[in-house]
Amino acid sequence: MTRYEGGEGICTTSVHPSWHQTGILKGSEASLAKQGIVPDPPSNVSDVVVKQVLSGQSGRLIVPESEEGKTGVRYWPLWAKDIVLGHIWQRKDQVGFAKEL
């Protein structure tokens, strides 16, 4: 904003989607289902993004909004996240759904 005359009118938004049925998940549906993850339709994200753009405001979007409470975890120290998420007890050969890709 300081480099461009009138830069105070520049709007930015970050979008933090949860699991949504997009092409990036193609082929991983079975693995996600095993982990109890049911992806939302992509329209849930696109509707919120279009609304934000048309409002002409900056912001941070969490989709779905029910996931917003989990975003505070990113400010925790790494060791605390590992304990809470159980990563320190998980064997390396048991990690991740992308293993099957």
PDB file of N, CA and C in Angstrom:
ATOM      1  N   MET A   1       0.815  -1.193   0.000  1.00  0.00           N
ATOM      2  CA  MET A   1       0.000   0.000   0.000  1.00  0.00           C
ATOM      3  C   MET A   1       0.857   1.254   0.000  1.00  0.00           C
ATOM      4  N   THR A   2       2.074   1.189   0.520  1.00  0.00           N
ATOM      5  CA  THR A   2       2.919   2.380   0.569  1.00  0.00           C
ATOM      6  C   THR A   2       3.622   2.627  -0.750  1.00  0.00           C
ATOM      7  N   ARG A   3       3.674   1.633  -1.639  1.00  0.00           N
ATOM      8  CA  ARG A   3       4.383   1.789  -2.910  1.00  0.00           C
ATOM      9  C   ARG A   3       3.498   2.345  -4.018  1.00  0.00           C
ATOM     10  N   TYR A   4       2.213   2.275  -3.864  1.00  0.00           N
ATOM     11  CA  TYR A   4       1.301   2.671  -4.914  1.00  0.00           C
ATOM     12  C   TYR A   4       0.415   3.822  -4.450  1.00  0.00           C
ATOM     13  N   GLU A   5       0.380   4.857  -5.260  1.00  0.00           N
ATOM     14  CA  GLU A   5      -0.509   5.968  -4.947  1.00  0.00           C
ATOM     15  C   GLU A   5      -1.935   5.435  -4.948  1.00  0.00           C
ATOM     16  N   GLY A   6      -2.669   5.723  -3.894  1.00  0.00           N
ATOM     17  CA  GLY A   6      -4.027   5.197  -3.757  1.00  0.00           C
ATOM     18  C   GLY A   6      -4.047   3.748  -3.306  1.00  0.00           C
ATOM     19  N   GLY A   7      -2.912   3.238  -2.817  1.00  0.00           N
ATOM     20  CA  GLY A   7      -2.793   1.837  -2.419  1.00  0.00           C
ATOM     21  C   GLY A   7      -3.697   1.430  -1.272  1.00  0.00           C
ATOM     22  N   GLU A   8      -4.219   2.406  -0.545  1.00  0.00           N
ATOM     23  CA  GLU A   8      -5.116   2.053   0.566  1.00  0.00           C
ATOM     24  C   GLU A   8      -6.402   1.397   0.056  1.00  0.00           C
ATOM     25  N   GLY A   9      -6.638   1.445  -1.241  1.00  0.00           N
ATOM     26  CA  GLY A   9      -7.823   0.796  -1.810  1.00  0.00           C
ATOM     27  C   GLY A   9      -7.591  -0.648  -2.217  1.00  0.00           C
ATOM     28  N   ILE A  10      -6.349  -1.148  -2.050  1.00  0.00           N
ATOM     29  CA  ILE A  10      -6.043  -2.532  -2.414  1.00  0.00           C
ATOM     30  C   ILE A  10      -6.641  -3.465  -1.362  1.00  0.00           C
ATOM     31  N   CYS A  11      -7.392  -4.450  -1.832  1.00  0.00           N
ATOM     32  CA  CYS A  11      -8.019  -5.416  -0.924  1.00  0.00           C
ATOM     33  C   CYS A  11      -7.356  -6.781  -1.086  1.00  0.00           C
ATOM     34  N   THR A  12      -7.103  -7.446   0.029  1.00  0.00           N
ATOM     35  CA  THR A  12      -6.581  -8.813   0.006  1.00  0.00           C
ATOM     36  C   THR A  12      -7.423  -9.678   0.927  1.00  0.00           C
ATOM     37  N   THR A  13      -7.572 -10.907   0.551  1.00  0.00           N
ATOM     38  CA  THR A  13      -8.321 -11.861   1.358  1.00  0.00           C
ATOM     39  C   THR A  13      -7.584 -13.181   1.332  1.00  0.00           C
ATOM     40  N   SER A  14      -7.479 -13.827   2.483  1.00  0.00           N
ATOM     41  CA  SER A  14      -6.938 -15.182   2.516  1.00  0.00           C
ATOM     42  C   SER A  14      -8.096 -16.131   2.790  1.00  0.00           C
ATOM     43  N   VAL A  15      -8.098 -17.235   2.070  1.00  0.00           N
ATOM     44  CA  VAL A  15      -9.178 -18.215   2.185  1.00  0.00           C
ATOM     45  C   VAL A  15      -8.583 -19.491   2.763  1.00  0.00           C
ATOM     46  N   HIS A  16      -9.210 -19.996   3.820  1.00  0.00           N
ATOM     47  CA  HIS A  16      -8.755 -21.209   4.499  1.00  0.00           C
ATOM     48  C   HIS A  16      -9.870 -22.252   4.419  1.00  0.00           C
ATOM     49  N   PRO A  17      -9.880 -23.024   3.326  1.00  0.00           N
ATOM     50  CA  PRO A  17     -10.938 -24.025   3.203  1.00  0.00           C
ATOM     51  C   PRO A  17     -10.607 -25.297   3.964  1.00  0.00           C
ATOM     52  N   SER A  18     -11.633 -25.987   4.356  1.00  0.00           N
ATOM     53  CA  SER A  18     -11.466 -27.308   4.941  1.00  0.00           C
ATOM     54  C   SER A  18     -11.493 -28.299   3.773  1.00  0.00           C
ATOM     55  N   TRP A  19     -11.977 -29.489   3.979  1.00  0.00           N
ATOM     56  CA  TRP A  19     -12.033 -30.485   2.910  1.00  0.00           C
ATOM     57  C   TRP A  19     -13.235 -30.204   2.014  1.00  0.00           C
ATOM     58  N   HIS A  20     -12.960 -29.981   0.721  1.00  0.00           N
ATOM     59  CA  HIS A  20     -14.007 -29.750  -0.261  1.00  0.00           C
ATOM     60  C   HIS A  20     -13.742 -30.620  -1.486  1.00  0.00           C
ATOM     61  N   GLN A  21     -14.806 -31.105  -2.082  1.00  0.00           N
ATOM     62  CA  GLN A  21     -14.714 -32.049  -3.196  1.00  0.00           C
ATOM     63  C   GLN A  21     -14.262 -31.335  -4.467  1.00  0.00           C
ATOM     64  N   THR A  22     -12.963 -31.167  -4.601  1.00  0.00           N
ATOM     65  CA  THR A  22     -12.386 -30.552  -5.793  1.00  0.00           C
ATOM     66  C   THR A  22     -11.466 -31.558  -6.471  1.00  0.00           C
ATOM     67  N   GLY A  23     -10.921 -31.176  -7.604  1.00  0.00           N
ATOM     68  CA  GLY A  23     -10.049 -32.072  -8.363  1.00  0.00           C
ATOM     69  C   GLY A  23      -8.813 -32.514  -7.609  1.00  0.00           C
ATOM     70  N   ILE A  24      -8.362 -31.719  -6.672  1.00  0.00           N
ATOM     71  CA  ILE A  24      -7.151 -32.067  -5.917  1.00  0.00           C
ATOM     72  C   ILE A  24      -7.359 -33.322  -5.053  1.00  0.00           C
ATOM     73  N   LEU A  25      -8.602 -33.627  -4.722  1.00  0.00           N
ATOM     74  CA  LEU A  25      -8.896 -34.810  -3.904  1.00  0.00           C
ATOM     75  C   LEU A  25      -9.179 -36.053  -4.739  1.00  0.00           C
ATOM     76  N   LYS A  26      -9.230 -35.886  -6.047  1.00  0.00           N
ATOM     77  CA  LYS A  26      -9.578 -37.003  -6.925  1.00  0.00           C
ATOM     78  C   LYS A  26      -8.668 -38.203  -6.667  1.00  0.00           C
ATOM     79  N   GLY A  27      -9.268 -39.338  -6.434  1.00  0.00           N
ATOM     80  CA  GLY A  27      -8.522 -40.557  -6.167  1.00  0.00           C
ATOM     81  C   GLY A  27      -8.254 -40.810  -4.691  1.00  0.00           C
ATOM     82  N   SER A  28      -8.539 -39.835  -3.844  1.00  0.00           N
ATOM     83  CA  SER A  28      -8.284 -39.972  -2.409  1.00  0.00           C
ATOM     84  C   SER A  28      -9.558 -40.162  -1.593  1.00  0.00           C
ATOM     85  N   GLU A  29     -10.682 -40.301  -2.268  1.00  0.00           N
ATOM     86  CA  GLU A  29     -11.966 -40.370  -1.575  1.00  0.00           C
ATOM     87  C   GLU A  29     -12.035 -41.513  -0.560  1.00  0.00           C
ATOM     88  N   ALA A  30     -11.527 -42.689  -0.942  1.00  0.00           N
ATOM     89  CA  ALA A  30     -11.581 -43.848  -0.042  1.00  0.00           C
ATOM     90  C   ALA A  30     -10.738 -43.612   1.209  1.00  0.00           C
ATOM     91  N   SER A  31      -9.541 -43.054   1.027  1.00  0.00           N
ATOM     92  CA  SER A  31      -8.662 -42.777   2.167  1.00  0.00           C
ATOM     93  C   SER A  31      -9.289 -41.750   3.105  1.00  0.00           C
ATOM     94  N   LEU A  32      -9.894 -40.731   2.535  1.00  0.00           N
ATOM     95  CA  LEU A  32     -10.544 -39.707   3.355  1.00  0.00           C
ATOM     96  C   LEU A  32     -11.712 -40.302   4.127  1.00  0.00           C
ATOM     97  N   ALA A  33     -12.486 -41.146   3.457  1.00  0.00           N
ATOM     98  CA  ALA A  33     -13.632 -41.777   4.109  1.00  0.00           C
ATOM     99  C   ALA A  33     -13.184 -42.645   5.286  1.00  0.00           C
ATOM    100  N   LYS A  34     -12.041 -43.340   5.136  1.00  0.00           N
ATOM    101  CA  LYS A  34     -11.512 -44.154   6.234  1.00  0.00           C
ATOM    102  C   LYS A  34     -11.187 -43.308   7.450  1.00  0.00           C
ATOM    103  N   GLN A  35     -10.776 -42.068   7.211  1.00  0.00           N
ATOM    104  CA  GLN A  35     -10.428 -41.165   8.301  1.00  0.00           C
ATOM    105  C   GLN A  35     -11.635 -40.379   8.802  1.00  0.00           C
ATOM    106  N   GLY A  36     -12.818 -40.668   8.240  1.00  0.00           N
ATOM    107  CA  GLY A  36     -14.038 -40.004   8.685  1.00  0.00           C
ATOM    108  C   GLY A  36     -14.219 -38.608   8.112  1.00  0.00           C
ATOM    109  N   ILE A  37     -13.515 -38.300   7.023  1.00  0.00           N
ATOM    110  CA  ILE A  37     -13.610 -36.977   6.408  1.00  0.00           C
ATOM    111  C   ILE A  37     -14.618 -37.030   5.266  1.00  0.00           C
ATOM    112  N   VAL A  38     -15.629 -36.180   5.347  1.00  0.00           N
ATOM    113  CA  VAL A  38     -16.634 -36.080   4.305  1.00  0.00           C
ATOM    114  C   VAL A  38     -16.509 -34.689   3.680  1.00  0.00           C
ATOM    115  N   PRO A  39     -15.906 -34.600   2.483  1.00  0.00           N
ATOM    116  CA  PRO A  39     -15.705 -33.290   1.859  1.00  0.00           C
ATOM    117  C   PRO A  39     -17.021 -32.600   1.503  1.00  0.00           C
ATOM    118  N   ASP A  40     -17.046 -31.279   1.700  1.00  0.00           N
ATOM    119  CA  ASP A  40     -18.183 -30.458   1.315  1.00  0.00           C
ATOM    120  C   ASP A  40     -18.151 -30.220  -0.192  1.00  0.00           C
ATOM    121  N   PRO A  41     -19.285 -29.824  -0.766  1.00  0.00           N
ATOM    122  CA  PRO A  41     -19.265 -29.468  -2.187  1.00  0.00           C
ATOM    123  C   PRO A  41     -18.448 -28.188  -2.407  1.00  0.00           C
ATOM    124  N   PRO A  42     -17.776 -28.060  -3.551  1.00  0.00           N
ATOM    125  CA  PRO A  42     -16.933 -26.883  -3.799  1.00  0.00           C
ATOM    126  C   PRO A  42     -17.712 -25.573  -3.813  1.00  0.00           C
ATOM    127  N   SER A  43     -18.998 -25.643  -4.062  1.00  0.00           N
ATOM    128  CA  SER A  43     -19.802 -24.412  -4.100  1.00  0.00           C
ATOM    129  C   SER A  43     -19.812 -23.705  -2.749  1.00  0.00           C
ATOM    130  N   ASN A  44     -19.591 -24.433  -1.659  1.00  0.00           N
ATOM    131  CA  ASN A  44     -19.549 -23.792  -0.334  1.00  0.00           C
ATOM    132  C   ASN A  44     -18.405 -22.785  -0.248  1.00  0.00           C
ATOM    133  N   VAL A  45     -17.265 -23.098  -0.883  1.00  0.00           N
ATOM    134  CA  VAL A  45     -16.135 -22.177  -0.889  1.00  0.00           C
ATOM    135  C   VAL A  45     -16.355 -21.079  -1.915  1.00  0.00           C
ATOM    136  N   SER A  46     -16.746 -21.461  -3.119  1.00  0.00           N
ATOM    137  CA  SER A  46     -16.885 -20.462  -4.180  1.00  0.00           C
ATOM    138  C   SER A  46     -17.935 -19.404  -3.840  1.00  0.00           C
ATOM    139  N   ASP A  47     -19.028 -19.800  -3.212  1.00  0.00           N
ATOM    140  CA  ASP A  47     -20.064 -18.830  -2.835  1.00  0.00           C
ATOM    141  C   ASP A  47     -19.523 -17.784  -1.870  1.00  0.00           C
ATOM    142  N   VAL A  48     -18.750 -18.232  -0.880  1.00  0.00           N
ATOM    143  CA  VAL A  48     -18.182 -17.316   0.114  1.00  0.00           C
ATOM    144  C   VAL A  48     -17.141 -16.396  -0.528  1.00  0.00           C
ATOM    145  N   VAL A  49     -16.327 -16.939  -1.432  1.00  0.00           N
ATOM    146  CA  VAL A  49     -15.289 -16.142  -2.096  1.00  0.00           C
ATOM    147  C   VAL A  49     -15.936 -15.073  -2.989  1.00  0.00           C
ATOM    148  N   VAL A  50     -16.929 -15.454  -3.779  1.00  0.00           N
ATOM    149  CA  VAL A  50     -17.604 -14.483  -4.653  1.00  0.00           C
ATOM    150  C   VAL A  50     -18.249 -13.378  -3.818  1.00  0.00           C
ATOM    151  N   LYS A  51     -18.894 -13.748  -2.729  1.00  0.00           N
ATOM    152  CA  LYS A  51     -19.520 -12.748  -1.855  1.00  0.00           C
ATOM    153  C   LYS A  51     -18.464 -11.769  -1.313  1.00  0.00           C
ATOM    154  N   GLN A  52     -17.306 -12.293  -0.920  1.00  0.00           N
ATOM    155  CA  GLN A  52     -16.229 -11.454  -0.386  1.00  0.00           C
ATOM    156  C   GLN A  52     -15.702 -10.499  -1.459  1.00  0.00           C
ATOM    157  N   VAL A  53     -15.482 -11.005  -2.651  1.00  0.00           N
ATOM    158  CA  VAL A  53     -14.973 -10.164  -3.743  1.00  0.00           C
ATOM    159  C   VAL A  53     -15.973  -9.060  -4.069  1.00  0.00           C
ATOM    160  N   LEU A  54     -17.234  -9.407  -4.169  1.00  0.00           N
ATOM    161  CA  LEU A  54     -18.255  -8.415  -4.505  1.00  0.00           C
ATOM    162  C   LEU A  54     -18.451  -7.380  -3.396  1.00  0.00           C
ATOM    163  N   SER A  55     -18.107  -7.736  -2.157  1.00  0.00           N
ATOM    164  CA  SER A  55     -18.222  -6.770  -1.060  1.00  0.00           C
ATOM    165  C   SER A  55     -17.118  -5.722  -1.111  1.00  0.00           C
ATOM    166  N   GLY A  56     -16.024  -6.021  -1.818  1.00  0.00           N
ATOM    167  CA  GLY A  56     -14.919  -5.083  -1.957  1.00  0.00           C
ATOM    168  C   GLY A  56     -14.168  -4.841  -0.665  1.00  0.00           C
ATOM    169  N   GLN A  57     -14.120  -5.865   0.198  1.00  0.00           N
ATOM    170  CA  GLN A  57     -13.424  -5.732   1.479  1.00  0.00           C
ATOM    171  C   GLN A  57     -12.325  -6.779   1.610  1.00  0.00           C
ATOM    172  N   SER A  58     -11.327  -6.456   2.407  1.00  0.00           N
ATOM    173  CA  SER A  58     -10.281  -7.420   2.737  1.00  0.00           C
ATOM    174  C   SER A  58     -10.794  -8.322   3.864  1.00  0.00           C
ATOM    175  N   GLY A  59     -10.138  -9.444   4.066  1.00  0.00           N
ATOM    176  CA  GLY A  59     -10.549 -10.291   5.173  1.00  0.00           C
ATOM    177  C   GLY A  59      -9.884 -11.650   5.160  1.00  0.00           C
ATOM    178  N   ARG A  60     -10.312 -12.473   6.098  1.00  0.00           N
ATOM    179  CA  ARG A  60      -9.852 -13.856   6.214  1.00  0.00           C
ATOM    180  C   ARG A  60     -11.090 -14.716   6.263  1.00  0.00           C
ATOM    181  N   LEU A  61     -11.187 -15.671   5.364  1.00  0.00           N
ATOM    182  CA  LEU A  61     -12.355 -16.532   5.282  1.00  0.00           C
ATOM    183  C   LEU A  61     -12.003 -17.939   5.734  1.00  0.00           C
ATOM    184  N   ILE A  62     -12.768 -18.458   6.659  1.00  0.00           N
ATOM    185  CA  ILE A  62     -12.638 -19.842   7.113  1.00  0.00           C
ATOM    186  C   ILE A  62     -13.886 -20.563   6.604  1.00  0.00           C
ATOM    187  N   VAL A  63     -13.690 -21.615   5.820  1.00  0.00           N
ATOM    188  CA  VAL A  63     -14.829 -22.326   5.239  1.00  0.00           C
ATOM    189  C   VAL A  63     -14.720 -23.801   5.586  1.00  0.00           C
ATOM    190  N   PRO A  64     -15.713 -24.373   6.269  1.00  0.00           N
ATOM    191  CA  PRO A  64     -16.909 -23.757   6.829  1.00  0.00           C
ATOM    192  C   PRO A  64     -16.581 -22.972   8.102  1.00  0.00           C
ATOM    193  N   GLU A  65     -17.461 -22.067   8.460  1.00  0.00           N
ATOM    194  CA  GLU A  65     -17.236 -21.216   9.633  1.00  0.00           C
ATOM    195  C   GLU A  65     -17.087 -22.020  10.918  1.00  0.00           C
ATOM    196  N   SER A  66     -17.650 -23.214  10.950  1.00  0.00           N
ATOM    197  CA  SER A  66     -17.554 -24.054  12.152  1.00  0.00           C
ATOM    198  C   SER A  66     -16.114 -24.470  12.448  1.00  0.00           C
ATOM    199  N   GLU A  67     -15.211 -24.353  11.495  1.00  0.00           N
ATOM    200  CA  GLU A  67     -13.801 -24.713  11.669  1.00  0.00           C
ATOM    201  C   GLU A  67     -12.973 -23.574  12.256  1.00  0.00           C
ATOM    202  N   GLU A  68     -13.561 -22.400  12.413  1.00  0.00           N
ATOM    203  CA  GLU A  68     -12.801 -21.234  12.842  1.00  0.00           C
ATOM    204  C   GLU A  68     -12.136 -21.428  14.202  1.00  0.00           C
ATOM    205  N   GLY A  69     -12.762 -22.143  15.100  1.00  0.00           N
ATOM    206  CA  GLY A  69     -12.189 -22.383  16.420  1.00  0.00           C
ATOM    207  C   GLY A  69     -10.858 -23.116  16.371  1.00  0.00           C
ATOM    208  N   LYS A  70     -10.651 -23.913  15.332  1.00  0.00           N
ATOM    209  CA  LYS A  70      -9.413 -24.688  15.200  1.00  0.00           C
ATOM    210  C   LYS A  70      -8.246 -23.850  14.700  1.00  0.00           C
ATOM    211  N   THR A  71      -8.507 -22.676  14.160  1.00  0.00           N
ATOM    212  CA  THR A  71      -7.424 -21.884  13.575  1.00  0.00           C
ATOM    213  C   THR A  71      -6.480 -21.327  14.620  1.00  0.00           C
ATOM    214  N   GLY A  72      -6.901 -21.207  15.860  1.00  0.00           N
ATOM    215  CA  GLY A  72      -6.034 -20.700  16.914  1.00  0.00           C
ATOM    216  C   GLY A  72      -4.864 -21.623  17.213  1.00  0.00           C
ATOM    217  N   VAL A  73      -4.969 -22.880  16.818  1.00  0.00           N
ATOM    218  CA  VAL A  73      -3.913 -23.865  17.053  1.00  0.00           C
ATOM    219  C   VAL A  73      -2.621 -23.449  16.344  1.00  0.00           C
ATOM    220  N   ARG A  74      -2.731 -22.705  15.265  1.00  0.00           N
ATOM    221  CA  ARG A  74      -1.522 -22.330  14.518  1.00  0.00           C
ATOM    222  C   ARG A  74      -0.585 -21.451  15.322  1.00  0.00           C
ATOM    223  N   TYR A  75      -1.079 -20.817  16.362  1.00  0.00           N
ATOM    224  CA  TYR A  75      -0.239 -19.956  17.200  1.00  0.00           C
ATOM    225  C   TYR A  75       0.437 -20.725  18.338  1.00  0.00           C
ATOM    226  N   TRP A  76       0.098 -21.983  18.504  1.00  0.00           N
ATOM    227  CA  TRP A  76       0.702 -22.791  19.559  1.00  0.00           C
ATOM    228  C   TRP A  76       2.128 -23.152  19.160  1.00  0.00           C
ATOM    229  N   PRO A  77       2.986 -23.439  20.139  1.00  0.00           N
ATOM    230  CA  PRO A  77       4.321 -23.939  19.799  1.00  0.00           C
ATOM    231  C   PRO A  77       4.216 -25.326  19.161  1.00  0.00           C
ATOM    232  N   LEU A  78       5.173 -25.648  18.312  1.00  0.00           N
ATOM    233  CA  LEU A  78       5.145 -26.905  17.568  1.00  0.00           C
ATOM    234  C   LEU A  78       5.049 -28.125  18.485  1.00  0.00           C
ATOM    235  N   TRP A  79       5.775 -28.113  19.604  1.00  0.00           N
ATOM    236  CA  TRP A  79       5.745 -29.281  20.488  1.00  0.00           C
ATOM    237  C   TRP A  79       4.339 -29.487  21.059  1.00  0.00           C
ATOM    238  N   ALA A  80       3.605 -28.407  21.331  1.00  0.00           N
ATOM    239  CA  ALA A  80       2.249 -28.530  21.873  1.00  0.00           C
ATOM    240  C   ALA A  80       1.299 -29.096  20.819  1.00  0.00           C
ATOM    241  N   LYS A  81       1.462 -28.651  19.578  1.00  0.00           N
ATOM    242  CA  LYS A  81       0.631 -29.180  18.490  1.00  0.00           C
ATOM    243  C   LYS A  81       0.878 -30.675  18.317  1.00  0.00           C
ATOM    244  N   ASP A  82       2.143 -31.077  18.359  1.00  0.00           N
ATOM    245  CA  ASP A  82       2.473 -32.489  18.190  1.00  0.00           C
ATOM    246  C   ASP A  82       1.840 -33.358  19.266  1.00  0.00           C
ATOM    247  N   ILE A  83       1.839 -32.876  20.500  1.00  0.00           N
ATOM    248  CA  ILE A  83       1.233 -33.644  21.595  1.00  0.00           C
ATOM    249  C   ILE A  83      -0.273 -33.748  21.415  1.00  0.00           C
ATOM    250  N   VAL A  84      -0.918 -32.615  21.165  1.00  0.00           N
ATOM    251  CA  VAL A  84      -2.378 -32.601  21.029  1.00  0.00           C
ATOM    252  C   VAL A  84      -2.837 -33.420  19.830  1.00  0.00           C
ATOM    253  N   LEU A  85      -2.134 -33.317  18.721  1.00  0.00           N
ATOM    254  CA  LEU A  85      -2.535 -34.031  17.514  1.00  0.00           C
ATOM    255  C   LEU A  85      -2.045 -35.476  17.481  1.00  0.00           C
ATOM    256  N   GLY A  86      -1.254 -35.873  18.467  1.00  0.00           N
ATOM    257  CA  GLY A  86      -0.819 -37.261  18.583  1.00  0.00           C
ATOM    258  C   GLY A  86       0.314 -37.650  17.659  1.00  0.00           C
ATOM    259  N   HIS A  87       0.995 -36.680  17.068  1.00  0.00           N
ATOM    260  CA  HIS A  87       2.056 -37.002  16.117  1.00  0.00           C
ATOM    261  C   HIS A  87       3.268 -37.661  16.776  1.00  0.00           C
ATOM    262  N   ILE A  88       3.507 -37.387  18.028  1.00  0.00           N
ATOM    263  CA  ILE A  88       4.711 -37.953  18.642  1.00  0.00           C
ATOM    264  C   ILE A  88       4.565 -39.441  18.935  1.00  0.00           C
ATOM    265  N   TRP A  89       3.327 -39.944  18.952  1.00  0.00           N
ATOM    266  CA  TRP A  89       3.120 -41.365  19.204  1.00  0.00           C
ATOM    267  C   TRP A  89       2.827 -42.146  17.939  1.00  0.00           C
ATOM    268  N   GLN A  90       2.662 -41.459  16.829  1.00  0.00           N
ATOM    269  CA  GLN A  90       2.283 -42.114  15.583  1.00  0.00           C
ATOM    270  C   GLN A  90       3.530 -42.583  14.840  1.00  0.00           C
ATOM    271  N   ARG A  91       3.486 -43.825  14.378  1.00  0.00           N
ATOM    272  CA  ARG A  91       4.605 -44.345  13.600  1.00  0.00           C
ATOM    273  C   ARG A  91       4.617 -43.704  12.226  1.00  0.00           C
ATOM    274  N   LYS A  92       5.792 -43.519  11.658  1.00  0.00           N
ATOM    275  CA  LYS A  92       5.922 -42.849  10.365  1.00  0.00           C
ATOM    276  C   LYS A  92       5.191 -43.596   9.248  1.00  0.00           C
ATOM    277  N   ASP A  93       5.085 -44.917   9.331  1.00  0.00           N
ATOM    278  CA  ASP A  93       4.403 -45.665   8.272  1.00  0.00           C
ATOM    279  C   ASP A  93       2.881 -45.600   8.385  1.00  0.00           C
ATOM    280  N   GLN A  94       2.357 -44.895   9.391  1.00  0.00           N
ATOM    281  CA  GLN A  94       0.913 -44.761   9.563  1.00  0.00           C
ATOM    282  C   GLN A  94       0.414 -43.361   9.200  1.00  0.00           C
ATOM    283  N   VAL A  95       1.276 -42.516   8.677  1.00  0.00           N
ATOM    284  CA  VAL A  95       0.936 -41.118   8.463  1.00  0.00           C
ATOM    285  C   VAL A  95       0.395 -40.871   7.062  1.00  0.00           C
ATOM    286  N   GLY A  96      -0.663 -40.085   6.979  1.00  0.00           N
ATOM    287  CA  GLY A  96      -1.110 -39.477   5.740  1.00  0.00           C
ATOM    288  C   GLY A  96      -1.944 -40.298   4.805  1.00  0.00           C
ATOM    289  N   PHE A  97      -2.887 -39.633   4.167  1.00  0.00           N
ATOM    290  CA  PHE A  97      -3.735 -40.277   3.177  1.00  0.00           C
ATOM    291  C   PHE A  97      -3.068 -40.310   1.809  1.00  0.00           C
ATOM    292  N   ALA A  98      -2.107 -39.433   1.543  1.00  0.00           N
ATOM    293  CA  ALA A  98      -1.484 -39.331   0.227  1.00  0.00           C
ATOM    294  C   ALA A  98      -0.558 -40.513  -0.065  1.00  0.00           C
ATOM    295  N   LYS A  99      -0.337 -41.362   0.924  1.00  0.00           N
ATOM    296  CA  LYS A  99       0.541 -42.511   0.776  1.00  0.00           C
ATOM    297  C   LYS A  99       0.069 -43.437  -0.357  1.00  0.00           C
ATOM    298  N   GLU A 100      -1.248 -43.475  -0.562  1.00  0.00           N
ATOM    299  CA  GLU A 100      -1.799 -44.383  -1.559  1.00  0.00           C
ATOM    300  C   GLU A 100      -1.701 -43.826  -2.972  1.00  0.00           C
ATOM    301  N   LEU A 101      -1.335 -42.556  -3.115  1.00  0.00           N
ATOM    302  CA  LEU A 101      -1.311 -41.938  -4.446  1.00  0.00           C
ATOM    303  C   LEU A 101      -0.163 -42.414  -5.289  1.00  0.00           C
TER     304      LEU A 101
END
